[in-house]
Amino acid sequence: MVNPKLSFISEKSLPSNNNRNNKIHDLYAKSQLVDAFLETNDDALSLRMWLDIDSCFNDGESNKQSLMALLLSAIVAIDKKVSKQLDEILHNKGFKQLEASWRGLEYLIEEENEYDTELKCKVKLLHLTWRELTRDCSKAIDFDQSDFFRVIYNNEFNMPGGEPFGLLIGDYKITHRLHGHQHANDIDTLRKISQTAAASFSPFITSAAPSFFGVDNFSELASVAHIETQFSLPEYIEWQSVRAMEDAKFLGITLPDILLRSPYLPDGSRREKFPYRESISHSEDGYLWGNAAYAFAAVAIRDFCESGWFSHIRGVQAGKYRQGLVVKIPQSHFCVTRRLKKNKLSVNLQVGDRLEKQLSDSGFIPISMIPETDYLAFYSNSSVNNPKVFDSASDTVNAKLASMLQYILCVSRFAHYIKVIGRDKIGAFETAEEIESYIQKWIFNYTSSSSELPDELIAKYPLNEAKVEVKQTRGRSDCFYSIIHLRPHFQLDQMVSNIRLITELSPISN
C-alpha cells in the first residue's frame, strides 16, 4: 500500500517527445514509482532506480559494470559534499578556537607524559574564559578579593596541605584596546593577574593577539622596522604602566602562534577511510594556529623533570633535546616541483635575530623557527617587567637578569617551600631569630660557593649564595615575613644576578 504522504510526479508534467520518456510515462501510467520499485525482483534495477531514475529504464544499463560506475560516481559526489561541509566546520572561527585549545592541551600533556617519568608534575585544568576572568577582576575592589585570587592563592599557596602552582598558562589572546562588549580592557585584567601571580609566586604565561601590535596578522610584523618605537604611542600608556610594576616580573606573553595541526590529507594516516583533503585558501587563515604558551610550558616541564630547576629554558644546545628547544610541532609542506616538497614554517611569523631582540626588549617571549630544521626555540624569556636603569652598569644588568622568567621560576620554588616551612614551624618557634636560623640552615642544603660545578651537582645545589632575614609583622605577634636574597649558579653571558623576594610567614593568613 502506498503511503498517502508520499508525493509523486504528475503524469501531466512528464514530457513525451522521445522513446525514453515514453517508457517512463508508460510506467507511471501502469503503476506509481514506489510500487514499481517494490515489485521488481531485479536487485540491480532496484539499486539503479534508487540512485538514478533518469537512466534506470535505458536498455542494457542494468548490468553490474554500469552499476559499479554509477555507485562510484555517487560515492565521489557524496565525498565532495561531505568535504565541503567539513571545510565549513573546521574553518569556522569559533570551532578553530576550540580545536586549538584542546590540541594545545593535548600537546602539553603528551610532552609531560614523555619527560615526567618520576611523576614530579601535575597538570590541572581550569575552565575560565577571558570574559569571565575580566569580569571577576573588574568587580573586585582589590585583586585579593577576586575569585581568581581565591583559587590560586587562598586555596593552594596559603592553604595547609595546598599545592602551590609552579606555572599558570592562560590560553588567551591579549590586546591593548577594548574589544567586543567588554567594559574593561585586557591591560587592566593583566594588572590584577600579575598581582595574584606575584602574591602566590606562580608566573602567568599567555599570548598576544596581532592587534596588540596594530596589525591584522602576525606576518605583517616582518615589515615593521622598529617595533619598540610603537609602544611609545599614547595608546600604550596603560601597557607601559603595567611594565613598570614589580609584579609584572610574574607575567610572560608569547608570540607568534604555532601550528597545532597539519592540514588533513587523503594519505591513509587516519583511521577512517574517508578520502578528505582539507581546502586551505590562505596560510594565515586556513591553518590551525594556537597559543605558543603551551610550548613554553612544555619546555619548562621538560627542564624541571630533568634537573628539578628552570635554568635551561632558553637557547639551544646542538644535538640535544633540552634548553629552549621546542619539538614535535606539527608540520605542513608545499610542493616545489612534482617530486620535491619543502616544509612550511610552523609559526605564522619568521622571527629573526633583530626582531627577536626587539620583541624581547619590549617585554615579550618570541618563539623562533630554527633554520633548516623542523624545530622551534625560545631564545629568551623576558617577563613583561621593564627593568630599571641605574647609574651603575652592574645594577642595570642585575635588574635585567632579575626580570627574566627563568630566574623568577627558580626563586618561586624556594618561596613555595619557605612558605610551607613558615606555616608548619611558626608554632614551634617564638622569635624571628629562631625562624631565620631554621630557614637559613635549610636553604644552605641547596647552596654551594663553588662556581665550577658540573651540571648534575648544579641541579642539586642550584644556589651560589643565599641569605634569609625574618622579621615580625608590626602589630602581630604570630605573623612574620621573610626577605630572601638568592644568587643562582646559572648565569647569563657571564653576568651575575641577585634576586630578592619577600614572603609572608604565618600559621594561617587572612
Protein backbone atom coordinates (compact mmCIF):
# COMPACT_ATOMS: atom_id res chain seq x y z
CA MET A 1 0.00 0.00 0.00
CA VAL A 2 1.37 3.41 -0.94
CA ASN A 3 1.93 5.92 1.84
CA PRO A 4 -0.52 8.79 1.26
CA LYS A 5 2.07 11.29 2.50
CA LEU A 6 4.38 10.49 -0.41
CA SER A 7 4.03 12.81 -3.39
CA PHE A 8 4.82 11.65 -6.92
CA ILE A 9 5.41 13.37 -10.21
CA SER A 10 2.23 14.18 -12.08
CA GLU A 11 1.72 12.48 -15.46
CA LYS A 12 0.94 15.84 -17.00
CA SER A 13 4.36 17.21 -16.06
CA LEU A 14 6.23 14.38 -17.82
CA PRO A 15 7.47 15.13 -21.34
CA SER A 16 6.66 12.54 -24.03
CA ASN A 17 8.72 13.60 -27.02
CA ASN A 18 11.14 10.67 -27.07
CA ASN A 19 11.17 6.93 -26.61
CA ARG A 20 12.88 7.02 -23.19
CA ASN A 21 10.38 9.47 -21.77
CA ASN A 22 7.57 7.42 -23.27
CA LYS A 23 8.76 4.40 -21.28
CA ILE A 24 8.77 6.44 -18.11
CA HIS A 25 5.36 7.79 -18.99
CA ASP A 26 4.08 4.27 -19.59
CA LEU A 27 5.42 3.19 -16.22
CA TYR A 28 3.61 5.97 -14.45
CA ALA A 29 0.51 5.09 -16.41
CA LYS A 30 0.61 1.48 -15.17
CA SER A 31 1.84 1.96 -11.62
CA GLN A 32 3.27 4.54 -9.32
CA LEU A 33 7.03 4.71 -8.93
CA VAL A 34 7.12 3.28 -5.43
CA ASP A 35 5.04 0.31 -6.46
CA ALA A 36 7.40 -0.40 -9.34
CA PHE A 37 10.39 -0.14 -7.05
CA LEU A 38 8.87 -2.52 -4.51
CA GLU A 39 7.60 -5.05 -7.03
CA THR A 40 10.75 -5.56 -9.12
CA ASN A 41 12.88 -8.64 -8.41
CA ASP A 42 15.93 -7.27 -10.19
CA ASP A 43 18.30 -6.04 -7.45
CA ALA A 44 20.48 -4.19 -9.92
CA LEU A 45 17.47 -2.40 -11.38
CA SER A 46 16.19 -1.56 -7.89
CA LEU A 47 19.53 -0.02 -6.96
CA ARG A 48 19.70 1.88 -10.22
CA MET A 49 16.16 3.19 -9.69
CA TRP A 50 17.21 4.35 -6.23
CA LEU A 51 20.37 6.07 -7.45
CA ASP A 52 19.45 7.40 -10.88
CA ILE A 53 15.84 7.40 -12.03
CA ASP A 54 16.80 9.20 -15.24
CA SER A 55 18.69 6.21 -16.66
CA CYS A 56 17.12 3.29 -14.91
CA PHE A 57 14.98 2.34 -17.91
CA ASN A 58 17.59 2.51 -20.62
CA ASP A 59 18.05 -0.84 -22.33
CA GLY A 60 21.13 -2.77 -21.26
CA GLU A 61 22.12 -0.37 -18.47
CA SER A 62 21.27 -2.55 -15.51
CA ASN A 63 24.38 -4.72 -15.80
CA LYS A 64 26.91 -4.86 -12.96
CA GLN A 65 29.64 -2.87 -14.70
CA SER A 66 27.45 0.13 -15.37
CA LEU A 67 26.02 -0.17 -11.87
CA MET A 68 29.53 -0.14 -10.36
CA ALA A 69 30.40 3.01 -12.28
CA LEU A 70 27.20 4.61 -11.07
CA LEU A 71 27.94 3.66 -7.46
CA LEU A 72 31.47 5.08 -7.65
CA SER A 73 30.14 8.27 -9.17
CA ALA A 74 27.61 8.59 -6.36
CA ILE A 75 30.29 7.97 -3.71
CA VAL A 76 32.55 10.65 -5.22
CA ALA A 77 29.65 13.10 -5.26
CA ILE A 78 28.90 12.35 -1.60
CA ASP A 79 32.60 12.74 -0.69
CA LYS A 80 32.68 16.17 -2.33
CA LYS A 81 29.62 17.34 -0.44
CA VAL A 82 30.89 15.99 2.90
CA SER A 83 34.34 17.53 2.26
CA LYS A 84 32.76 20.91 1.62
CA GLN A 85 30.76 20.63 4.83
CA LEU A 86 33.86 19.63 6.81
CA ASP A 87 35.76 22.63 5.43
CA GLU A 88 32.99 24.91 6.64
CA ILE A 89 33.09 23.35 10.11
CA LEU A 90 36.87 23.17 10.54
CA HIS A 91 37.42 26.74 9.31
CA ASN A 92 34.69 28.26 11.45
CA LYS A 93 36.32 30.80 13.78
CA GLY A 94 34.69 29.50 16.95
CA PHE A 95 35.41 25.87 16.13
CA LYS A 96 39.06 26.68 15.31
CA GLN A 97 39.50 28.35 18.69
CA LEU A 98 38.01 25.32 20.42
CA GLU A 99 40.13 22.85 18.46
CA ALA A 100 43.30 24.90 19.01
CA SER A 101 42.74 24.94 22.78
CA TRP A 102 42.24 21.18 23.02
CA ARG A 103 45.14 20.39 20.71
CA GLY A 104 47.41 22.74 22.65
CA LEU A 105 46.44 20.97 25.86
CA GLU A 106 46.95 17.59 24.18
CA TYR A 107 50.46 18.64 23.11
CA LEU A 108 51.32 19.74 26.65
CA ILE A 109 50.04 16.52 28.22
CA GLU A 110 51.91 14.35 25.72
CA GLU A 111 55.16 16.21 26.43
CA GLU A 112 54.58 15.92 30.18
CA ASN A 113 53.92 12.17 29.90
CA GLU A 114 57.14 11.66 27.93
CA TYR A 115 59.51 13.52 30.25
CA ASP A 116 57.84 13.21 33.66
CA THR A 117 58.83 9.60 34.33
CA GLU A 118 59.09 10.23 38.09
CA LEU A 119 55.66 11.88 38.31
CA LYS A 120 57.02 15.21 39.51
CA CYS A 121 54.42 17.34 37.72
CA LYS A 122 50.68 17.76 37.90
CA VAL A 123 48.62 19.48 35.22
CA LYS A 124 45.34 20.97 36.43
CA LEU A 125 42.72 22.41 34.10
CA LEU A 126 40.52 25.39 34.98
CA HIS A 127 37.75 26.32 32.54
CA LEU A 128 37.75 30.13 32.67
CA THR A 129 37.06 32.31 29.66
CA TRP A 130 38.79 35.66 29.31
CA ARG A 131 35.45 37.43 29.61
CA GLU A 132 34.75 35.64 32.90
CA LEU A 133 38.23 36.42 34.20
CA THR A 134 37.90 40.08 33.20
CA ARG A 135 34.51 40.34 34.90
CA ASP A 136 35.88 38.71 38.05
CA CYS A 137 38.88 41.04 38.23
CA SER A 138 36.92 44.20 37.42
CA LYS A 139 34.19 43.64 40.02
CA ALA A 140 36.74 43.09 42.81
CA ILE A 141 37.72 46.27 44.66
CA ASP A 142 41.22 44.88 45.13
CA PHE A 143 42.95 41.95 43.46
CA ASP A 144 42.89 39.82 46.62
CA GLN A 145 39.09 39.92 46.68
CA SER A 146 38.67 38.20 43.32
CA ASP A 147 37.68 34.57 42.84
CA PHE A 148 40.82 34.10 40.77
CA PHE A 149 42.93 35.08 43.80
CA ARG A 150 40.91 32.72 45.97
CA VAL A 151 41.54 29.75 43.64
CA ILE A 152 45.25 30.40 43.07
CA TYR A 153 46.38 31.89 46.39
CA ASN A 154 43.94 31.04 49.18
CA ASN A 155 43.06 27.50 48.09
CA GLU A 156 46.64 26.40 47.36
CA PHE A 157 49.55 28.68 48.30
CA ASN A 158 48.01 29.86 51.58
CA MET A 159 46.18 26.67 52.49
CA PRO A 160 47.64 23.97 54.78
CA GLY A 161 48.14 20.93 52.57
CA GLY A 162 47.72 23.03 49.44
CA GLU A 163 49.93 22.59 46.39
CA PRO A 164 51.16 25.96 45.05
CA PHE A 165 51.10 26.34 41.28
CA GLY A 166 54.55 26.45 39.72
CA LEU A 167 53.30 27.92 36.44
CA LEU A 168 49.99 29.28 35.15
CA ILE A 169 49.15 29.06 31.44
CA GLY A 170 46.37 31.24 30.05
CA ASP A 171 45.05 30.25 26.63
CA TYR A 172 44.12 33.82 25.76
CA LYS A 173 44.93 36.48 23.16
CA ILE A 174 45.82 39.78 24.80
CA THR A 175 45.40 43.16 23.17
CA HIS A 176 45.62 46.75 24.43
CA ARG A 177 42.25 48.03 23.22
CA LEU A 178 38.67 47.38 24.21
CA HIS A 179 37.04 44.75 22.04
CA GLY A 180 33.59 43.27 21.79
CA HIS A 181 31.25 44.32 24.58
CA GLN A 182 33.92 44.49 27.27
CA HIS A 183 33.81 47.29 29.83
CA ALA A 184 37.41 46.73 30.97
CA ASN A 185 40.40 46.35 28.69
CA ASP A 186 42.86 43.47 28.76
CA ILE A 187 45.62 45.58 30.32
CA ASP A 188 43.56 46.23 33.47
CA THR A 189 42.91 42.50 33.76
CA LEU A 190 46.60 41.73 33.27
CA ARG A 191 47.47 44.14 36.07
CA LYS A 192 45.37 42.24 38.60
CA ILE A 193 46.51 38.87 37.27
CA SER A 194 50.13 39.92 37.82
CA GLN A 195 49.35 40.85 41.43
CA THR A 196 47.81 37.44 42.09
CA ALA A 197 50.67 35.68 40.30
CA ALA A 198 53.26 37.61 42.33
CA ALA A 199 51.50 37.00 45.65
CA SER A 200 51.37 33.25 45.01
CA PHE A 201 54.77 33.11 43.24
CA SER A 202 53.10 31.49 40.23
CA PRO A 203 54.18 33.13 36.93
CA PHE A 204 51.36 33.58 34.43
CA ILE A 205 52.09 32.95 30.73
CA THR A 206 49.71 33.83 27.90
CA SER A 207 49.99 35.17 24.34
CA ALA A 208 49.40 38.38 22.40
CA ALA A 209 46.94 38.99 19.58
CA PRO A 210 48.21 40.60 16.34
CA SER A 211 46.06 43.64 17.13
CA PHE A 212 48.33 44.31 20.11
CA PHE A 213 50.89 45.48 17.56
CA GLY A 214 48.40 47.29 15.35
CA VAL A 215 48.28 44.62 12.62
CA ASP A 216 45.69 42.11 11.47
CA ASN A 217 48.11 39.19 11.07
CA PHE A 218 51.45 38.38 12.67
CA SER A 219 53.06 38.08 9.24
CA GLU A 220 52.69 41.85 8.84
CA LEU A 221 55.17 42.43 11.68
CA ALA A 222 58.00 41.33 9.41
CA SER A 223 57.77 44.66 7.57
CA VAL A 224 57.86 46.80 10.74
CA ALA A 225 61.33 48.28 11.13
CA HIS A 226 61.26 49.37 14.79
CA ILE A 227 58.60 47.69 16.89
CA GLU A 228 59.85 49.23 20.12
CA THR A 229 59.01 52.77 18.96
CA GLN A 230 55.36 51.80 18.55
CA PHE A 231 54.97 51.31 22.29
CA SER A 232 55.80 54.97 22.94
CA LEU A 233 52.45 55.97 21.40
CA PRO A 234 49.74 57.35 23.75
CA GLU A 235 47.53 54.28 23.26
CA TYR A 236 50.14 52.17 25.09
CA ILE A 237 50.30 54.30 28.26
CA GLU A 238 48.43 51.66 30.30
CA TRP A 239 50.70 48.95 28.91
CA GLN A 240 53.79 50.88 29.98
CA SER A 241 52.33 51.39 33.45
CA VAL A 242 51.94 47.61 33.81
CA ARG A 243 55.51 47.07 32.63
CA ALA A 244 56.74 49.45 35.34
CA MET A 245 55.21 47.27 38.08
CA GLU A 246 57.45 44.90 40.03
CA ASP A 247 54.66 42.32 39.89
CA ALA A 248 54.97 42.30 36.09
CA LYS A 249 58.01 40.05 36.58
CA PHE A 250 55.46 37.27 37.02
CA LEU A 251 53.86 37.89 33.61
CA GLY A 252 55.00 36.41 30.30
CA ILE A 253 53.46 36.99 26.86
CA THR A 254 54.41 34.72 23.97
CA LEU A 255 54.14 35.21 20.22
CA PRO A 256 53.63 34.36 17.40
CA ASP A 257 51.21 31.43 17.09
CA ILE A 258 52.37 27.87 16.49
CA LEU A 259 50.90 25.25 14.16
CA LEU A 260 48.83 22.75 16.14
CA ARG A 261 47.54 20.52 13.34
CA SER A 262 48.72 19.69 9.85
CA PRO A 263 46.08 20.03 7.11
CA TYR A 264 44.11 16.84 6.55
CA LEU A 265 45.27 14.85 3.52
CA PRO A 266 43.92 11.61 1.96
CA ASP A 267 47.17 9.80 2.78
CA GLY A 268 45.76 6.85 4.72
CA SER A 269 47.16 8.07 8.04
CA ARG A 270 43.72 8.47 9.62
CA ARG A 271 41.64 5.61 10.95
CA GLU A 272 38.58 6.47 8.91
CA LYS A 273 38.80 5.66 5.19
CA PHE A 274 37.17 8.87 4.08
CA PRO A 275 39.48 10.47 1.47
CA TYR A 276 39.25 14.02 2.81
CA ARG A 277 41.65 16.73 1.64
CA GLU A 278 41.32 19.92 3.64
CA SER A 279 40.94 23.03 1.50
CA ILE A 280 43.49 25.67 2.54
CA SER A 281 42.89 29.04 0.95
CA HIS A 282 45.47 31.13 2.84
CA SER A 283 48.38 30.16 5.09
CA GLU A 284 47.42 32.66 7.78
CA ASP A 285 43.69 31.99 7.95
CA GLY A 286 43.36 28.41 6.72
CA TYR A 287 45.79 26.64 9.05
CA LEU A 288 45.12 25.81 12.70
CA TRP A 289 47.29 28.17 14.74
CA GLY A 290 47.41 28.05 18.52
CA ASN A 291 48.89 29.53 21.66
CA ALA A 292 52.69 29.38 21.99
CA ALA A 293 52.29 29.43 25.78
CA TYR A 294 51.69 25.67 25.60
CA ALA A 295 55.12 25.24 24.01
CA PHE A 296 56.71 27.40 26.74
CA ALA A 297 55.07 25.26 29.42
CA ALA A 298 56.33 22.08 27.72
CA VAL A 299 59.89 23.44 27.77
CA ALA A 300 59.59 24.35 31.46
CA ILE A 301 58.21 20.90 32.35
CA ARG A 302 61.00 19.14 30.45
CA ASP A 303 63.71 21.12 32.23
CA PHE A 304 62.10 20.66 35.63
CA CYS A 305 61.81 16.89 35.11
CA GLU A 306 65.47 16.69 34.09
CA SER A 307 67.00 18.88 36.81
CA GLY A 308 64.32 19.96 39.26
CA TRP A 309 65.13 23.52 38.19
CA PHE A 310 64.18 26.01 35.47
CA SER A 311 67.52 27.46 34.43
CA HIS A 312 67.81 25.84 30.99
CA ILE A 313 64.67 27.08 29.25
CA ARG A 314 66.27 29.36 26.67
CA GLY A 315 68.61 28.86 23.72
CA VAL A 316 69.55 25.58 22.05
CA GLN A 317 72.28 23.00 22.53
CA ALA A 318 73.41 21.20 19.40
CA GLY A 319 72.39 17.56 19.27
CA LYS A 320 70.28 17.58 22.44
CA TYR A 321 66.59 17.99 23.21
CA ARG A 322 66.99 20.48 26.00
CA GLN A 323 67.05 24.16 26.91
CA GLY A 324 64.60 26.24 24.85
CA LEU A 325 64.15 23.72 22.04
CA VAL A 326 60.53 23.02 21.08
CA VAL A 327 59.93 19.64 19.44
CA LYS A 328 57.09 17.63 17.91
CA ILE A 329 55.24 20.60 16.47
CA PRO A 330 53.03 19.55 13.51
CA GLN A 331 54.43 20.16 10.05
CA SER A 332 52.96 21.24 6.74
CA HIS A 333 54.53 21.08 3.28
CA PHE A 334 54.39 22.79 -0.06
CA CYS A 335 55.46 21.41 -3.43
CA VAL A 336 58.47 22.97 -5.14
CA THR A 337 58.22 20.51 -8.03
CA ARG A 338 56.15 17.40 -8.64
CA ARG A 339 58.58 15.35 -6.54
CA LEU A 340 60.24 17.91 -4.26
CA LYS A 341 58.46 19.08 -1.11
CA LYS A 342 59.59 21.60 1.48
CA ASN A 343 58.32 22.29 4.97
CA LYS A 344 56.26 25.37 5.67
CA LEU A 345 57.02 27.38 8.79
CA SER A 346 55.31 26.04 11.91
CA VAL A 347 54.88 29.63 13.10
CA ASN A 348 52.95 32.41 11.39
CA LEU A 349 55.86 34.85 11.68
CA GLN A 350 59.52 34.25 10.94
CA VAL A 351 61.35 35.83 13.89
CA GLY A 352 64.93 36.72 13.00
CA ASP A 353 67.68 37.89 15.34
CA ARG A 354 66.83 41.59 15.07
CA LEU A 355 63.10 41.09 15.56
CA GLU A 356 63.71 38.62 18.39
CA LYS A 357 65.75 41.19 20.32
CA GLN A 358 63.22 43.96 19.71
CA LEU A 359 60.36 41.81 20.97
CA SER A 360 62.34 40.57 23.95
CA ASP A 361 63.34 44.12 24.95
CA SER A 362 59.68 45.14 24.65
CA GLY A 363 58.57 42.54 27.22
CA PHE A 364 57.58 39.57 25.05
CA ILE A 365 58.70 35.95 24.65
CA PRO A 366 59.14 35.27 20.91
CA ILE A 367 59.31 31.73 19.57
CA SER A 368 61.52 31.27 16.51
CA MET A 369 61.96 28.70 13.77
CA ILE A 370 65.43 27.15 13.71
CA PRO A 371 66.68 27.46 10.11
CA GLU A 372 66.88 24.26 8.04
CA THR A 373 65.18 22.20 10.76
CA ASP A 374 61.69 21.21 11.87
CA TYR A 375 62.22 22.66 15.34
CA LEU A 376 61.27 25.85 17.14
CA ALA A 377 63.09 27.51 20.02
CA PHE A 378 62.78 30.13 22.73
CA TYR A 379 65.99 32.16 22.71
CA SER A 380 64.85 34.47 25.51
CA ASN A 381 62.25 34.53 28.26
CA SER A 382 61.78 38.15 29.27
CA SER A 383 58.92 38.94 31.57
CA VAL A 384 56.59 41.86 30.92
CA ASN A 385 58.50 43.91 33.51
CA ASN A 386 60.60 46.77 32.15
CA PRO A 387 63.87 46.60 34.14
CA LYS A 388 65.00 49.82 35.78
CA VAL A 389 68.08 51.61 34.55
CA PHE A 390 70.60 52.62 37.23
CA ASP A 391 73.72 54.75 37.21
CA SER A 392 75.76 51.62 37.82
CA ALA A 393 76.04 49.31 34.81
CA SER A 394 76.19 46.25 37.05
CA ASP A 395 72.98 47.24 38.83
CA THR A 396 71.25 47.74 35.47
CA VAL A 397 72.38 44.31 34.30
CA ASN A 398 71.26 42.72 37.55
CA ALA A 399 67.82 44.32 37.22
CA LYS A 400 67.50 42.96 33.69
CA LEU A 401 68.50 39.44 34.69
CA ALA A 402 66.21 39.50 37.73
CA SER A 403 63.26 40.21 35.43
CA MET A 404 63.83 37.08 33.32
CA LEU A 405 61.30 34.33 33.83
CA GLN A 406 63.88 31.58 34.20
CA TYR A 407 65.04 33.23 37.43
CA ILE A 408 61.53 34.08 38.57
CA LEU A 409 60.54 30.42 38.16
CA CYS A 410 63.60 29.32 40.12
CA VAL A 411 63.16 31.61 43.13
CA SER A 412 59.42 30.93 43.18
CA ARG A 413 60.16 27.30 44.01
CA PHE A 414 62.10 28.41 47.08
CA ALA A 415 59.31 30.81 48.02
CA HIS A 416 56.80 27.94 47.92
CA TYR A 417 58.90 25.78 50.23
CA ILE A 418 59.72 28.62 52.62
CA LYS A 419 56.02 29.45 52.84
CA VAL A 420 55.26 25.84 53.81
CA ILE A 421 58.11 25.80 56.35
CA GLY A 422 56.87 29.01 57.91
CA ARG A 423 53.30 27.72 58.03
CA ASP A 424 54.30 24.46 59.70
CA LYS A 425 57.07 25.67 62.01
CA ILE A 426 55.95 29.04 63.36
CA GLY A 427 54.10 27.44 66.26
CA ALA A 428 57.32 25.69 67.33
CA PHE A 429 59.35 28.94 67.45
CA GLU A 430 58.86 32.07 69.49
CA THR A 431 61.16 34.62 67.87
CA ALA A 432 62.04 35.77 64.37
CA GLU A 433 65.67 34.84 65.02
CA GLU A 434 64.77 31.19 65.62
CA ILE A 435 62.74 31.00 62.42
CA GLU A 436 65.51 32.75 60.48
CA SER A 437 68.13 30.31 61.75
CA TYR A 438 65.99 27.31 60.80
CA ILE A 439 65.28 28.54 57.26
CA GLN A 440 68.90 29.59 56.75
CA LYS A 441 70.10 26.09 57.63
CA TRP A 442 67.53 24.57 55.31
CA ILE A 443 68.45 26.75 52.34
CA PHE A 444 72.16 26.04 52.86
CA ASN A 445 71.38 22.47 51.78
CA TYR A 446 70.92 23.85 48.25
CA THR A 447 73.88 26.23 48.25
CA SER A 448 77.47 25.80 47.09
CA SER A 449 80.03 28.58 46.86
CA SER A 450 81.97 26.79 44.11
CA SER A 451 81.47 28.32 40.66
CA GLU A 452 82.77 25.32 38.68
CA LEU A 453 80.32 22.56 39.48
CA PRO A 454 79.19 20.05 36.81
CA ASP A 455 75.56 20.15 35.70
CA GLU A 456 74.48 17.22 37.87
CA LEU A 457 75.78 18.94 41.02
CA ILE A 458 74.41 22.33 39.99
CA ALA A 459 70.98 20.70 39.81
CA LYS A 460 71.49 19.52 43.40
CA TYR A 461 72.98 22.82 44.62
CA PRO A 462 71.33 25.46 42.41
CA LEU A 463 72.33 28.45 44.56
CA ASN A 464 75.71 30.10 44.74
CA GLU A 465 74.69 32.31 47.63
CA ALA A 466 71.62 32.62 49.86
CA LYS A 467 70.70 34.87 52.76
CA VAL A 468 67.45 34.91 54.74
CA GLU A 469 66.08 37.62 57.03
CA VAL A 470 62.93 37.04 59.09
CA LYS A 471 61.12 39.91 60.79
CA GLN A 472 57.98 40.13 62.86
CA THR A 473 54.97 41.84 61.33
CA ARG A 474 54.24 45.03 63.20
CA GLY A 475 51.24 44.65 65.49
CA ARG A 476 51.01 40.86 65.14
CA SER A 477 52.97 38.52 67.38
CA ASP A 478 52.08 35.38 65.41
CA CYS A 479 52.88 36.71 61.94
CA PHE A 480 56.29 37.14 60.32
CA TYR A 481 57.69 37.89 56.90
CA SER A 482 60.93 36.83 55.28
CA ILE A 483 63.28 38.69 52.96
CA ILE A 484 65.31 36.27 50.88
CA HIS A 485 68.38 37.12 48.78
CA LEU A 486 69.34 34.46 46.24
CA ARG A 487 72.15 34.19 43.71
CA PRO A 488 71.60 31.24 41.36
CA HIS A 489 74.53 29.34 39.87
CA PHE A 490 73.05 29.66 36.42
CA GLN A 491 74.10 32.97 34.96
CA LEU A 492 73.65 34.63 31.60
CA ASP A 493 76.52 35.73 29.39
CA GLN A 494 78.95 35.72 32.34
CA MET A 495 76.80 38.22 34.24
CA VAL A 496 75.82 37.65 37.88
CA SER A 497 72.27 38.10 39.12
CA ASN A 498 70.99 38.60 42.65
CA ILE A 499 67.29 38.19 43.33
CA ARG A 500 65.34 39.47 46.32
CA LEU A 501 61.90 38.22 47.28
CA ILE A 502 59.55 38.76 50.20
CA THR A 503 57.02 36.25 51.50
CA GLU A 504 54.67 36.19 54.48
CA LEU A 505 55.13 33.56 57.19
CA SER A 506 52.14 32.79 59.40
CA PRO A 507 50.20 29.73 60.60
CA ILE A 508 47.08 30.68 58.58
CA SER A 509 46.99 34.04 56.82
CA ASN A 510 43.85 36.07 56.29
